[in-house]
Amino acid sequence: LAVAKGAQLLGVIYLKDIVKPGISARFMRIRAMG
């Protein structure tokens, strides 16, 4: 997200998707099931 103050472009905000804690381990369990 870009941010401006008047005619000055100040920079960007990094919006991030937060992966649920432990989801990677659950997918490893699923992979073990085939």
Full PDB file with SEQRES, HELIX, SHEET, SSBOND, CRYST1, ORIGX, SCALE, CONECT and MASTER records, all heavy atoms in Angstrom:
SEQRES   1 A   34  LEU ALA VAL ALA LYS GLY ALA GLN LEU LEU GLY VAL ILE          
SEQRES   2 A   34  TYR LEU LYS ASP ILE VAL LYS PRO GLY ILE SER ALA ARG          
SEQRES   3 A   34  PHE MET ARG ILE ARG ALA MET GLY                              
HELIX    1 AA1 ILE A   23  ALA A   32  1                                  10    
SHEET    1 AA1 2 ALA A   2  LYS A   5  0                                        
SHEET    2 AA1 2 GLN A   8  VAL A  12 -1                                        
CRYST1    1.000    1.000    1.000  90.00  90.00  90.00 P 1           1          
ORIGX1      1.000000  0.000000  0.000000        0.00000                         
ORIGX2      0.000000  1.000000  0.000000        0.00000                         
ORIGX3      0.000000  0.000000  1.000000        0.00000                         
SCALE1      1.000000  0.000000  0.000000        0.00000                         
SCALE2      0.000000  1.000000  0.000000        0.00000                         
SCALE3      0.000000  0.000000  1.000000        0.00000                         
ATOM      1  N   LEU A   1       0.861  -1.179   0.000  1.00  0.00           N  
ATOM      2  CA  LEU A   1       0.000   0.000   0.000  1.00  0.00           C  
ATOM      3  C   LEU A   1       0.900   1.234   0.000  1.00  0.00           C  
ATOM      4  O   LEU A   1       1.712   1.406   0.913  1.00  0.00           O  
ATOM      5  CB  LEU A   1      -0.898   0.035   1.242  1.00  0.00           C  
ATOM      6  CG  LEU A   1      -2.195  -0.761   1.240  1.00  0.00           C  
ATOM      7  CD1 LEU A   1      -2.956  -0.494   2.526  1.00  0.00           C  
ATOM      8  CD2 LEU A   1      -3.057  -0.431   0.040  1.00  0.00           C  
ATOM      9  N   ALA A   2       0.760   2.052  -1.021  1.00  0.00           N  
ATOM     10  CA  ALA A   2       1.580   3.272  -1.085  1.00  0.00           C  
ATOM     11  C   ALA A   2       0.942   4.362  -0.238  1.00  0.00           C  
ATOM     12  O   ALA A   2      -0.287   4.425  -0.099  1.00  0.00           O  
ATOM     13  CB  ALA A   2       1.712   3.731  -2.536  1.00  0.00           C  
ATOM     14  N   VAL A   3       1.788   5.220   0.367  1.00  0.00           N  
ATOM     15  CA  VAL A   3       1.306   6.292   1.251  1.00  0.00           C  
ATOM     16  C   VAL A   3       1.898   7.625   0.781  1.00  0.00           C  
ATOM     17  O   VAL A   3       3.103   7.717   0.511  1.00  0.00           O  
ATOM     18  CB  VAL A   3       1.706   6.029   2.720  1.00  0.00           C  
ATOM     19  CG1 VAL A   3       1.191   7.149   3.617  1.00  0.00           C  
ATOM     20  CG2 VAL A   3       1.193   4.673   3.181  1.00  0.00           C  
ATOM     21  N   ALA A   4       1.032   8.636   0.702  1.00  0.00           N  
ATOM     22  CA  ALA A   4       1.492   9.970   0.273  1.00  0.00           C  
ATOM     23  C   ALA A   4       1.009  11.033   1.236  1.00  0.00           C  
ATOM     24  O   ALA A   4      -0.092  10.943   1.792  1.00  0.00           O  
ATOM     25  CB  ALA A   4       0.995  10.272  -1.139  1.00  0.00           C  
ATOM     26  N   LYS A   5       1.887  12.046   1.422  1.00  0.00           N  
ATOM     27  CA  LYS A   5       1.519  13.241   2.189  1.00  0.00           C  
ATOM     28  C   LYS A   5       1.619  14.410   1.204  1.00  0.00           C  
ATOM     29  O   LYS A   5       2.721  14.799   0.803  1.00  0.00           O  
ATOM     30  CB  LYS A   5       2.468  13.435   3.364  1.00  0.00           C  
ATOM     31  CG  LYS A   5       2.210  14.708   4.165  1.00  0.00           C  
ATOM     32  CD  LYS A   5       3.237  14.843   5.283  1.00  0.00           C  
ATOM     33  CE  LYS A   5       3.044  16.141   6.063  1.00  0.00           C  
ATOM     34  NZ  LYS A   5       4.073  16.323   7.114  1.00  0.00           N  
ATOM     35  N   GLY A   6       0.429  14.885   0.791  1.00  0.00           N  
ATOM     36  CA  GLY A   6       0.426  15.914  -0.242  1.00  0.00           C  
ATOM     37  C   GLY A   6       1.032  15.365  -1.511  1.00  0.00           C  
ATOM     38  O   GLY A   6       0.665  14.287  -2.000  1.00  0.00           O  
ATOM     39  N   ALA A   7       2.032  16.074  -2.080  1.00  0.00           N  
ATOM     40  CA  ALA A   7       2.674  15.663  -3.330  1.00  0.00           C  
ATOM     41  C   ALA A   7       3.874  14.760  -3.096  1.00  0.00           C  
ATOM     42  O   ALA A   7       4.581  14.409  -4.043  1.00  0.00           O  
ATOM     43  CB  ALA A   7       3.088  16.900  -4.122  1.00  0.00           C  
ATOM     44  N   GLN A   8       4.132  14.360  -1.834  1.00  0.00           N  
ATOM     45  CA  GLN A   8       5.309  13.536  -1.528  1.00  0.00           C  
ATOM     46  C   GLN A   8       4.914  12.077  -1.284  1.00  0.00           C  
ATOM     47  O   GLN A   8       4.098  11.784  -0.403  1.00  0.00           O  
ATOM     48  CB  GLN A   8       6.030  14.079  -0.293  1.00  0.00           C  
ATOM     49  CG  GLN A   8       7.333  13.328   0.010  1.00  0.00           C  
ATOM     50  CD  GLN A   8       8.014  13.816   1.278  1.00  0.00           C  
ATOM     51  OE1 GLN A   8       7.430  14.601   2.048  1.00  0.00           O  
ATOM     52  NE2 GLN A   8       9.243  13.388   1.509  1.00  0.00           N  
ATOM     53  N   LEU A   9       5.495  11.174  -2.051  1.00  0.00           N  
ATOM     54  CA  LEU A   9       5.275   9.735  -1.853  1.00  0.00           C  
ATOM     55  C   LEU A   9       6.257   9.269  -0.782  1.00  0.00           C  
ATOM     56  O   LEU A   9       7.472   9.236  -1.004  1.00  0.00           O  
ATOM     57  CB  LEU A   9       5.496   8.980  -3.167  1.00  0.00           C  
ATOM     58  CG  LEU A   9       4.745   7.645  -3.312  1.00  0.00           C  
ATOM     59  CD1 LEU A   9       4.737   7.180  -4.762  1.00  0.00           C  
ATOM     60  CD2 LEU A   9       5.310   6.574  -2.418  1.00  0.00           C  
ATOM     61  N   LEU A  10       5.742   8.902   0.400  1.00  0.00           N  
ATOM     62  CA  LEU A  10       6.590   8.624   1.567  1.00  0.00           C  
ATOM     63  C   LEU A  10       7.121   7.194   1.619  1.00  0.00           C  
ATOM     64  O   LEU A  10       8.151   6.940   2.254  1.00  0.00           O  
ATOM     65  CB  LEU A  10       5.812   8.906   2.857  1.00  0.00           C  
ATOM     66  CG  LEU A  10       5.324  10.346   3.050  1.00  0.00           C  
ATOM     67  CD1 LEU A  10       4.497  10.450   4.324  1.00  0.00           C  
ATOM     68  CD2 LEU A  10       6.498  11.319   3.098  1.00  0.00           C  
ATOM     69  N   GLY A  11       6.426   6.271   0.976  1.00  0.00           N  
ATOM     70  CA  GLY A  11       6.856   4.871   1.051  1.00  0.00           C  
ATOM     71  C   GLY A  11       5.664   3.933   0.945  1.00  0.00           C  
ATOM     72  O   GLY A  11       4.580   4.324   0.484  1.00  0.00           O  
ATOM     73  N   VAL A  12       5.884   2.685   1.394  1.00  0.00           N  
ATOM     74  CA  VAL A  12       4.816   1.683   1.286  1.00  0.00           C  
ATOM     75  C   VAL A  12       4.629   0.949   2.613  1.00  0.00           C  
ATOM     76  O   VAL A  12       5.547   0.849   3.431  1.00  0.00           O  
ATOM     77  CB  VAL A  12       5.113   0.653   0.171  1.00  0.00           C  
ATOM     78  CG1 VAL A  12       5.032   1.298  -1.206  1.00  0.00           C  
ATOM     79  CG2 VAL A  12       6.456  -0.020   0.378  1.00  0.00           C  
ATOM     80  N   ILE A  13       3.415   0.454   2.781  1.00  0.00           N  
ATOM     81  CA  ILE A  13       3.082  -0.411   3.928  1.00  0.00           C  
ATOM     82  C   ILE A  13       3.043  -1.849   3.399  1.00  0.00           C  
ATOM     83  O   ILE A  13       2.417  -2.126   2.376  1.00  0.00           O  
ATOM     84  CB  ILE A  13       1.713  -0.055   4.531  1.00  0.00           C  
ATOM     85  CG1 ILE A  13       1.647   1.432   4.891  1.00  0.00           C  
ATOM     86  CG2 ILE A  13       1.413  -0.927   5.736  1.00  0.00           C  
ATOM     87  CD1 ILE A  13       0.237   1.907   5.208  1.00  0.00           C  
ATOM     88  N   TYR A  14       3.709  -2.748   4.102  1.00  0.00           N  
ATOM     89  CA  TYR A  14       3.736  -4.163   3.725  1.00  0.00           C  
ATOM     90  C   TYR A  14       2.575  -4.877   4.435  1.00  0.00           C  
ATOM     91  O   TYR A  14       2.603  -5.090   5.635  1.00  0.00           O  
ATOM     92  CB  TYR A  14       5.089  -4.747   4.124  1.00  0.00           C  
ATOM     93  CG  TYR A  14       5.303  -6.221   3.844  1.00  0.00           C  
ATOM     94  CD1 TYR A  14       4.405  -6.973   3.090  1.00  0.00           C  
ATOM     95  CD2 TYR A  14       6.434  -6.872   4.334  1.00  0.00           C  
ATOM     96  CE1 TYR A  14       4.621  -8.310   2.838  1.00  0.00           C  
ATOM     97  CE2 TYR A  14       6.671  -8.213   4.088  1.00  0.00           C  
ATOM     98  CZ  TYR A  14       5.750  -8.932   3.336  1.00  0.00           C  
ATOM     99  OH  TYR A  14       5.970 -10.268   3.087  1.00  0.00           O  
ATOM    100  N   LEU A  15       1.527  -5.201   3.657  1.00  0.00           N  
ATOM    101  CA  LEU A  15       0.400  -5.983   4.182  1.00  0.00           C  
ATOM    102  C   LEU A  15       0.683  -7.456   3.909  1.00  0.00           C  
ATOM    103  O   LEU A  15       0.947  -7.844   2.762  1.00  0.00           O  
ATOM    104  CB  LEU A  15      -0.915  -5.580   3.518  1.00  0.00           C  
ATOM    105  CG  LEU A  15      -1.433  -4.165   3.784  1.00  0.00           C  
ATOM    106  CD1 LEU A  15      -2.767  -3.961   3.078  1.00  0.00           C  
ATOM    107  CD2 LEU A  15      -1.596  -3.899   5.270  1.00  0.00           C  
ATOM    108  N   LYS A  16       0.618  -8.241   4.950  1.00  0.00           N  
ATOM    109  CA  LYS A  16       1.031  -9.638   4.821  1.00  0.00           C  
ATOM    110  C   LYS A  16      -0.080 -10.594   5.256  1.00  0.00           C  
ATOM    111  O   LYS A  16      -0.773 -10.346   6.241  1.00  0.00           O  
ATOM    112  CB  LYS A  16       2.276  -9.881   5.678  1.00  0.00           C  
ATOM    113  CG  LYS A  16       2.846 -11.288   5.592  1.00  0.00           C  
ATOM    114  CD  LYS A  16       4.051 -11.445   6.510  1.00  0.00           C  
ATOM    115  CE  LYS A  16       4.592 -12.859   6.457  1.00  0.00           C  
ATOM    116  NZ  LYS A  16       5.736 -13.050   7.377  1.00  0.00           N  
ATOM    117  N   ASP A  17      -0.229 -11.689   4.488  1.00  0.00           N  
ATOM    118  CA  ASP A  17      -1.101 -12.789   4.912  1.00  0.00           C  
ATOM    119  C   ASP A  17      -0.393 -13.539   6.020  1.00  0.00           C  
ATOM    120  O   ASP A  17       0.757 -13.968   5.850  1.00  0.00           O  
ATOM    121  CB  ASP A  17      -1.369 -13.746   3.747  1.00  0.00           C  
ATOM    122  CG  ASP A  17      -2.559 -13.311   2.912  1.00  0.00           C  
ATOM    123  OD1 ASP A  17      -3.633 -13.138   3.499  1.00  0.00           O  
ATOM    124  OD2 ASP A  17      -2.404 -13.137   1.694  1.00  0.00           O  
ATOM    125  N   ILE A  18      -1.057 -13.721   7.136  1.00  0.00           N  
ATOM    126  CA  ILE A  18      -0.459 -14.430   8.274  1.00  0.00           C  
ATOM    127  C   ILE A  18      -0.901 -15.893   8.213  1.00  0.00           C  
ATOM    128  O   ILE A  18      -2.087 -16.213   8.352  1.00  0.00           O  
ATOM    129  CB  ILE A  18      -0.894 -13.811   9.616  1.00  0.00           C  
ATOM    130  CG1 ILE A  18      -0.626 -12.297   9.616  1.00  0.00           C  
ATOM    131  CG2 ILE A  18      -0.175 -14.502  10.770  1.00  0.00           C  
ATOM    132  CD1 ILE A  18       0.823 -11.917   9.440  1.00  0.00           C  
ATOM    133  N   VAL A  19       0.065 -16.770   7.958  1.00  0.00           N  
ATOM    134  CA  VAL A  19      -0.235 -18.205   7.909  1.00  0.00           C  
ATOM    135  C   VAL A  19      -0.534 -18.702   9.319  1.00  0.00           C  
ATOM    136  O   VAL A  19       0.155 -18.349  10.277  1.00  0.00           O  
ATOM    137  CB  VAL A  19       0.952 -18.985   7.296  1.00  0.00           C  
ATOM    138  CG1 VAL A  19       0.729 -20.488   7.402  1.00  0.00           C  
ATOM    139  CG2 VAL A  19       1.153 -18.576   5.849  1.00  0.00           C  
ATOM    140  N   LYS A  20      -1.578 -19.511   9.451  1.00  0.00           N  
ATOM    141  CA  LYS A  20      -1.984 -20.001  10.773  1.00  0.00           C  
ATOM    142  C   LYS A  20      -0.871 -20.817  11.421  1.00  0.00           C  
ATOM    143  O   LYS A  20      -0.240 -21.644  10.750  1.00  0.00           O  
ATOM    144  CB  LYS A  20      -3.254 -20.854  10.650  1.00  0.00           C  
ATOM    145  CG  LYS A  20      -4.505 -20.053  10.370  1.00  0.00           C  
ATOM    146  CD  LYS A  20      -5.740 -20.929  10.432  1.00  0.00           C  
ATOM    147  CE  LYS A  20      -7.001 -20.093  10.297  1.00  0.00           C  
ATOM    148  NZ  LYS A  20      -8.231 -20.896  10.353  1.00  0.00           N  
ATOM    149  N   PRO A  21      -0.648 -20.614  12.719  1.00  0.00           N  
ATOM    150  CA  PRO A  21       0.386 -21.384  13.424  1.00  0.00           C  
ATOM    151  C   PRO A  21       0.075 -22.882  13.356  1.00  0.00           C  
ATOM    152  O   PRO A  21      -1.066 -23.302  13.556  1.00  0.00           O  
ATOM    153  CB  PRO A  21       0.295 -20.867  14.869  1.00  0.00           C  
ATOM    154  CG  PRO A  21      -0.378 -19.537  14.761  1.00  0.00           C  
ATOM    155  CD  PRO A  21      -1.310 -19.628  13.595  1.00  0.00           C  
ATOM    156  N   GLY A  22       1.085 -23.674  13.075  1.00  0.00           N  
ATOM    157  CA  GLY A  22       0.930 -25.130  13.080  1.00  0.00           C  
ATOM    158  C   GLY A  22       0.331 -25.717  11.817  1.00  0.00           C  
ATOM    159  O   GLY A  22       0.223 -26.947  11.694  1.00  0.00           O  
ATOM    160  N   ILE A  23      -0.067 -24.865  10.856  1.00  0.00           N  
ATOM    161  CA  ILE A  23      -0.724 -25.390   9.656  1.00  0.00           C  
ATOM    162  C   ILE A  23       0.233 -26.229   8.821  1.00  0.00           C  
ATOM    163  O   ILE A  23      -0.144 -27.231   8.217  1.00  0.00           O  
ATOM    164  CB  ILE A  23      -1.340 -24.245   8.814  1.00  0.00           C  
ATOM    165  CG1 ILE A  23      -2.372 -24.805   7.823  1.00  0.00           C  
ATOM    166  CG2 ILE A  23      -0.272 -23.466   8.081  1.00  0.00           C  
ATOM    167  CD1 ILE A  23      -3.658 -25.223   8.421  1.00  0.00           C  
ATOM    168  N   SER A  24       1.517 -25.846   8.812  1.00  0.00           N  
ATOM    169  CA  SER A  24       2.514 -26.597   8.038  1.00  0.00           C  
ATOM    170  C   SER A  24       2.656 -28.025   8.568  1.00  0.00           C  
ATOM    171  O   SER A  24       2.750 -28.978   7.794  1.00  0.00           O  
ATOM    172  CB  SER A  24       3.863 -25.882   8.089  1.00  0.00           C  
ATOM    173  OG  SER A  24       4.819 -26.587   7.343  1.00  0.00           O  
ATOM    174  N   ALA A  25       2.638 -28.170   9.902  1.00  0.00           N  
ATOM    175  CA  ALA A  25       2.743 -29.510  10.508  1.00  0.00           C  
ATOM    176  C   ALA A  25       1.528 -30.353  10.166  1.00  0.00           C  
ATOM    177  O   ALA A  25       1.632 -31.564   9.950  1.00  0.00           O  
ATOM    178  CB  ALA A  25       2.889 -29.374  12.020  1.00  0.00           C  
ATOM    179  N   ARG A  26       0.351 -29.710  10.110  1.00  0.00           N  
ATOM    180  CA  ARG A  26      -0.870 -30.450   9.770  1.00  0.00           C  
ATOM    181  C   ARG A  26      -0.801 -30.952   8.333  1.00  0.00           C  
ATOM    182  O   ARG A  26      -1.240 -32.059   8.032  1.00  0.00           O  
ATOM    183  CB  ARG A  26      -2.097 -29.572   9.973  1.00  0.00           C  
ATOM    184  CG  ARG A  26      -2.290 -29.108  11.402  1.00  0.00           C  
ATOM    185  CD  ARG A  26      -3.663 -28.529  11.636  1.00  0.00           C  
ATOM    186  NE  ARG A  26      -4.651 -29.576  11.769  1.00  0.00           N  
ATOM    187  CZ  ARG A  26      -5.939 -29.347  12.033  1.00  0.00           C  
ATOM    188  NH1 ARG A  26      -6.365 -28.111  12.170  1.00  0.00           N  
ATOM    189  NH2 ARG A  26      -6.790 -30.329  12.148  1.00  0.00           N  
ATOM    190  N   PHE A  27      -0.241 -30.125   7.453  1.00  0.00           N  
ATOM    191  CA  PHE A  27      -0.117 -30.548   6.060  1.00  0.00           C  
ATOM    192  C   PHE A  27       0.882 -31.698   5.920  1.00  0.00           C  
ATOM    193  O   PHE A  27       0.736 -32.551   5.040  1.00  0.00           O  
ATOM    194  CB  PHE A  27       0.289 -29.374   5.172  1.00  0.00           C  
ATOM    195  CG  PHE A  27      -0.820 -28.383   4.943  1.00  0.00           C  
ATOM    196  CD1 PHE A  27      -0.559 -27.029   4.822  1.00  0.00           C  
ATOM    197  CD2 PHE A  27      -2.137 -28.803   4.859  1.00  0.00           C  
ATOM    198  CE1 PHE A  27      -1.578 -26.116   4.622  1.00  0.00           C  
ATOM    199  CE2 PHE A  27      -3.166 -27.897   4.654  1.00  0.00           C  
ATOM    200  CZ  PHE A  27      -2.890 -26.556   4.537  1.00  0.00           C  
ATOM    201  N   MET A  28       1.874 -31.731   6.789  1.00  0.00           N  
ATOM    202  CA  MET A  28       2.811 -32.864   6.781  1.00  0.00           C  
ATOM    203  C   MET A  28       2.084 -34.151   7.171  1.00  0.00           C  
ATOM    204  O   MET A  28       2.336 -35.214   6.601  1.00  0.00           O  
ATOM    205  CB  MET A  28       3.970 -32.592   7.749  1.00  0.00           C  
ATOM    206  CG  MET A  28       4.955 -31.547   7.252  1.00  0.00           C  
ATOM    207  SD  MET A  28       6.302 -31.227   8.428  1.00  0.00           S  
ATOM    208  CE  MET A  28       7.132 -32.806   8.420  1.00  0.00           C  
ATOM    209  N   ARG A  29       1.167 -34.051   8.139  1.00  0.00           N  
ATOM    210  CA  ARG A  29       0.359 -35.213   8.539  1.00  0.00           C  
ATOM    211  C   ARG A  29      -0.499 -35.686   7.379  1.00  0.00           C  
ATOM    212  O   ARG A  29      -0.640 -36.887   7.122  1.00  0.00           O  
ATOM    213  CB  ARG A  29      -0.543 -34.841   9.720  1.00  0.00           C  
ATOM    214  CG  ARG A  29       0.126 -34.919  11.070  1.00  0.00           C  
ATOM    215  CD  ARG A  29      -0.763 -34.350  12.158  1.00  0.00           C  
ATOM    216  NE  ARG A  29      -2.072 -34.951  12.188  1.00  0.00           N  
ATOM    217  CZ  ARG A  29      -3.141 -34.393  12.769  1.00  0.00           C  
ATOM    218  NH1 ARG A  29      -3.019 -33.219  13.354  1.00  0.00           N  
ATOM    219  NH2 ARG A  29      -4.282 -34.996  12.769  1.00  0.00           N  
ATOM    220  N   ILE A  30      -1.082 -34.722   6.664  1.00  0.00           N  
ATOM    221  CA  ILE A  30      -1.942 -35.073   5.538  1.00  0.00           C  
ATOM    222  C   ILE A  30      -1.133 -35.746   4.435  1.00  0.00           C  
ATOM    223  O   ILE A  30      -1.581 -36.718   3.824  1.00  0.00           O  
ATOM    224  CB  ILE A  30      -2.650 -33.807   4.996  1.00  0.00           C  
ATOM    225  CG1 ILE A  30      -3.615 -33.276   6.045  1.00  0.00           C  
ATOM    226  CG2 ILE A  30      -3.386 -34.088   3.707  1.00  0.00           C  
ATOM    227  CD1 ILE A  30      -4.197 -31.933   5.709  1.00  0.00           C  
ATOM    228  N   ARG A  31       0.068 -35.218   4.186  1.00  0.00           N  
ATOM    229  CA  ARG A  31       0.927 -35.801   3.157  1.00  0.00           C  
ATOM    230  C   ARG A  31       1.291 -37.242   3.515  1.00  0.00           C  
ATOM    231  O   ARG A  31       1.398 -38.098   2.631  1.00  0.00           O  
ATOM    232  CB  ARG A  31       2.185 -34.949   3.012  1.00  0.00           C  
ATOM    233  CG  ARG A  31       2.948 -35.187   1.719  1.00  0.00           C  
ATOM    234  CD  ARG A  31       4.053 -34.160   1.511  1.00  0.00           C  
ATOM    235  NE  ARG A  31       3.503 -32.826   1.296  1.00  0.00           N  
ATOM    236  CZ  ARG A  31       3.592 -31.828   2.171  1.00  0.00           C  
ATOM    237  NH1 ARG A  31       4.209 -32.007   3.333  1.00  0.00           N  
ATOM    238  NH2 ARG A  31       3.078 -30.653   1.908  1.00  0.00           N  
ATOM    239  N   ALA A  32       1.462 -37.504   4.809  1.00  0.00           N  
ATOM    240  CA  ALA A  32       1.778 -38.860   5.262  1.00  0.00           C  
ATOM    241  C   ALA A  32       0.628 -39.819   5.003  1.00  0.00           C  
ATOM    242  O   ALA A  32       0.824 -41.030   4.910  1.00  0.00           O  
ATOM    243  CB  ALA A  32       2.124 -38.848   6.757  1.00  0.00           C  
ATOM    244  N   MET A  33      -0.598 -39.280   4.871  1.00  0.00           N  
ATOM    245  CA  MET A  33      -1.761 -40.118   4.543  1.00  0.00           C  
ATOM    246  C   MET A  33      -1.852 -40.409   3.048  1.00  0.00           C  
ATOM    247  O   MET A  33      -2.726 -41.126   2.598  1.00  0.00           O  
ATOM    248  CB  MET A  33      -3.059 -39.411   4.937  1.00  0.00           C  
ATOM    249  CG  MET A  33      -3.233 -39.062   6.378  1.00  0.00           C  
ATOM    250  SD  MET A  33      -4.829 -38.209   6.566  1.00  0.00           S  
ATOM    251  CE  MET A  33      -4.519 -37.231   8.014  1.00  0.00           C  
ATOM    252  N   GLY A  34      -0.967 -39.787   2.257  1.00  0.00           N  
ATOM    253  CA  GLY A  34      -1.046 -39.950   0.815  1.00  0.00           C  
ATOM    254  C   GLY A  34      -2.015 -38.984   0.162  1.00  0.00           C  
ATOM    255  O   GLY A  34      -2.509 -39.239  -0.942  1.00  0.00           O  
TER     256      GLY A  34                                                      
MASTER        0    0    0    1    2    0    0    6  255    1    0    3          
END                                                                             
